[in-house]
Protein backbone atom coordinates (compact mmCIF):
# COMPACT_ATOMS: atom_id res chain seq x y z
CA MET A 1 -18.06 -0.74 0.72
CA LEU A 2 -21.74 -0.60 1.50
CA MET A 3 -23.10 1.15 4.54
CA ASN A 4 -25.29 -0.89 6.88
CA LYS A 5 -29.02 -0.19 6.82
CA GLU A 6 -29.19 1.29 10.33
CA LYS A 7 -26.41 3.81 9.65
CA ARG A 8 -28.04 4.75 6.34
CA LYS A 9 -31.37 5.30 8.12
CA GLN A 10 -29.75 7.46 10.82
CA LEU A 11 -28.04 9.66 8.24
CA ALA A 12 -31.22 10.00 6.17
CA GLU A 13 -33.10 11.14 9.28
CA LYS A 14 -30.50 13.89 9.70
CA GLY A 15 -31.03 15.08 6.13
CA TRP A 16 -28.12 13.36 4.40
CA ILE A 17 -28.72 11.85 0.99
CA GLU A 18 -27.02 8.93 -0.71
CA THR A 19 -25.55 9.55 -4.16
CA THR A 20 -22.87 8.33 -6.53
CA VAL A 21 -19.53 9.95 -7.24
CA GLU A 22 -20.72 10.62 -10.79
CA ASP A 23 -23.82 12.46 -9.59
CA PHE A 24 -22.00 14.34 -6.83
CA LEU A 25 -19.32 15.61 -9.23
CA ASP A 26 -21.78 15.96 -12.13
CA LEU A 27 -19.63 13.75 -14.36
CA THR A 28 -20.72 12.58 -17.76
CA PRO A 29 -20.41 8.84 -18.48
CA GLU A 30 -17.41 9.67 -20.69
CA GLU A 31 -15.66 11.60 -17.92
CA SER A 32 -16.30 8.79 -15.47
CA ALA A 33 -14.93 6.19 -17.92
CA TYR A 34 -11.85 8.34 -18.57
CA ILE A 35 -11.10 8.54 -14.85
CA GLU A 36 -11.59 4.80 -14.44
CA LEU A 37 -9.17 4.11 -17.32
CA LYS A 38 -6.52 6.38 -15.82
CA LEU A 39 -6.87 4.66 -12.45
CA LEU A 40 -6.64 1.27 -14.11
CA LEU A 41 -3.39 2.26 -15.83
CA SER A 42 -2.02 3.76 -12.60
CA ARG A 43 -2.69 0.58 -10.63
CA SER A 44 -1.22 -1.54 -13.43
CA LEU A 45 1.90 0.60 -13.52
CA LYS A 46 2.49 0.20 -9.80
CA GLU A 47 1.86 -3.55 -9.92
CA ARG A 48 4.24 -4.02 -12.86
CA ARG A 49 6.97 -1.87 -11.27
CA GLU A 50 6.70 -3.81 -8.01
CA SER A 51 6.67 -7.18 -9.78
CA LEU A 52 9.94 -6.17 -11.46
CA HIS A 53 11.35 -5.18 -8.04
CA LEU A 54 12.08 -1.65 -9.21
CA SER A 55 12.01 1.37 -6.94
CA GLN A 56 10.20 4.50 -8.03
CA GLU A 57 13.58 6.19 -8.27
CA THR A 58 15.00 3.48 -10.56
CA LEU A 59 11.97 3.68 -12.83
CA ALA A 60 12.24 7.47 -12.89
CA GLU A 61 15.85 7.23 -14.06
CA ARG A 62 14.82 4.73 -16.73
CA ILE A 63 12.23 7.10 -18.23
CA GLU A 64 14.24 10.26 -17.50
CA SER A 65 11.76 11.62 -15.01
CA SER A 66 11.60 12.13 -11.24
CA GLN A 67 10.60 9.88 -8.36
CA SER A 68 7.84 12.32 -7.43
CA ARG A 69 6.40 12.04 -10.94
CA ILE A 70 6.33 8.25 -10.66
CA SER A 71 4.56 8.61 -7.33
CA LYS A 72 1.96 10.88 -8.95
CA MET A 73 1.52 8.41 -11.79
CA GLU A 74 0.89 5.55 -9.39
CA ALA A 75 -1.49 7.65 -7.27
CA GLY A 76 -3.66 8.57 -10.25
CA ASP A 77 -2.85 12.25 -10.03
CA PRO A 78 -4.98 14.21 -12.51
CA THR A 79 -1.92 16.05 -13.85
CA VAL A 80 -0.56 12.79 -15.31
CA SER A 81 -1.49 12.14 -18.93
CA LEU A 82 -2.69 8.87 -20.38
CA ASP A 83 0.20 9.17 -22.82
CA LEU A 84 2.77 9.18 -20.01
CA LEU A 85 1.13 6.23 -18.25
CA ILE A 86 1.08 4.17 -21.44
CA ARG A 87 4.64 5.10 -22.45
CA THR A 88 5.87 4.15 -18.98
CA LEU A 89 4.07 0.82 -19.06
CA LEU A 90 5.65 0.14 -22.45
CA SER A 91 9.09 1.01 -21.02
CA LEU A 92 8.47 -1.66 -18.37
CA GLY A 93 7.92 -4.26 -21.05
CA ALA A 94 4.13 -4.18 -21.38
CA THR A 95 3.01 -4.90 -24.91
CA PRO A 96 0.26 -3.01 -26.71
CA GLU A 97 -1.77 -6.20 -26.53
CA GLU A 98 -1.36 -6.38 -22.74
CA ILE A 99 -2.42 -2.76 -22.36
CA GLY A 100 -5.40 -3.40 -24.60
CA SER A 101 -6.39 -6.41 -22.54
CA MET A 102 -6.32 -4.23 -19.40
CA PHE A 103 -9.08 -2.15 -20.96
CA ALA A 104 -10.97 -5.21 -22.17
CA ALA A 105 -10.87 -6.83 -18.73
CA LYS A 106 -12.35 -3.74 -17.11
């Protein structure tokens, strides 16, 4: 969401500067892309689980995990690995081709 020009001007007059997340966190392009991919998989996992009308608890039982872990996966928690996200999507019936197309569509 973009800030309106007047608000931007007011903040600049008070010494605030406008920057990007990448600059603020000093992320490399690779780190930024990695984060975006994880978030893409997290959103896809939640959408697929909901489209299958599964609760987080039911999915957790299916993959022998916990509801809190599913919640972390869907929230993009940094402790969740890409491997776990992909394996969980596969357990929900996603094909490798579908997962690949998620990346291609980004």
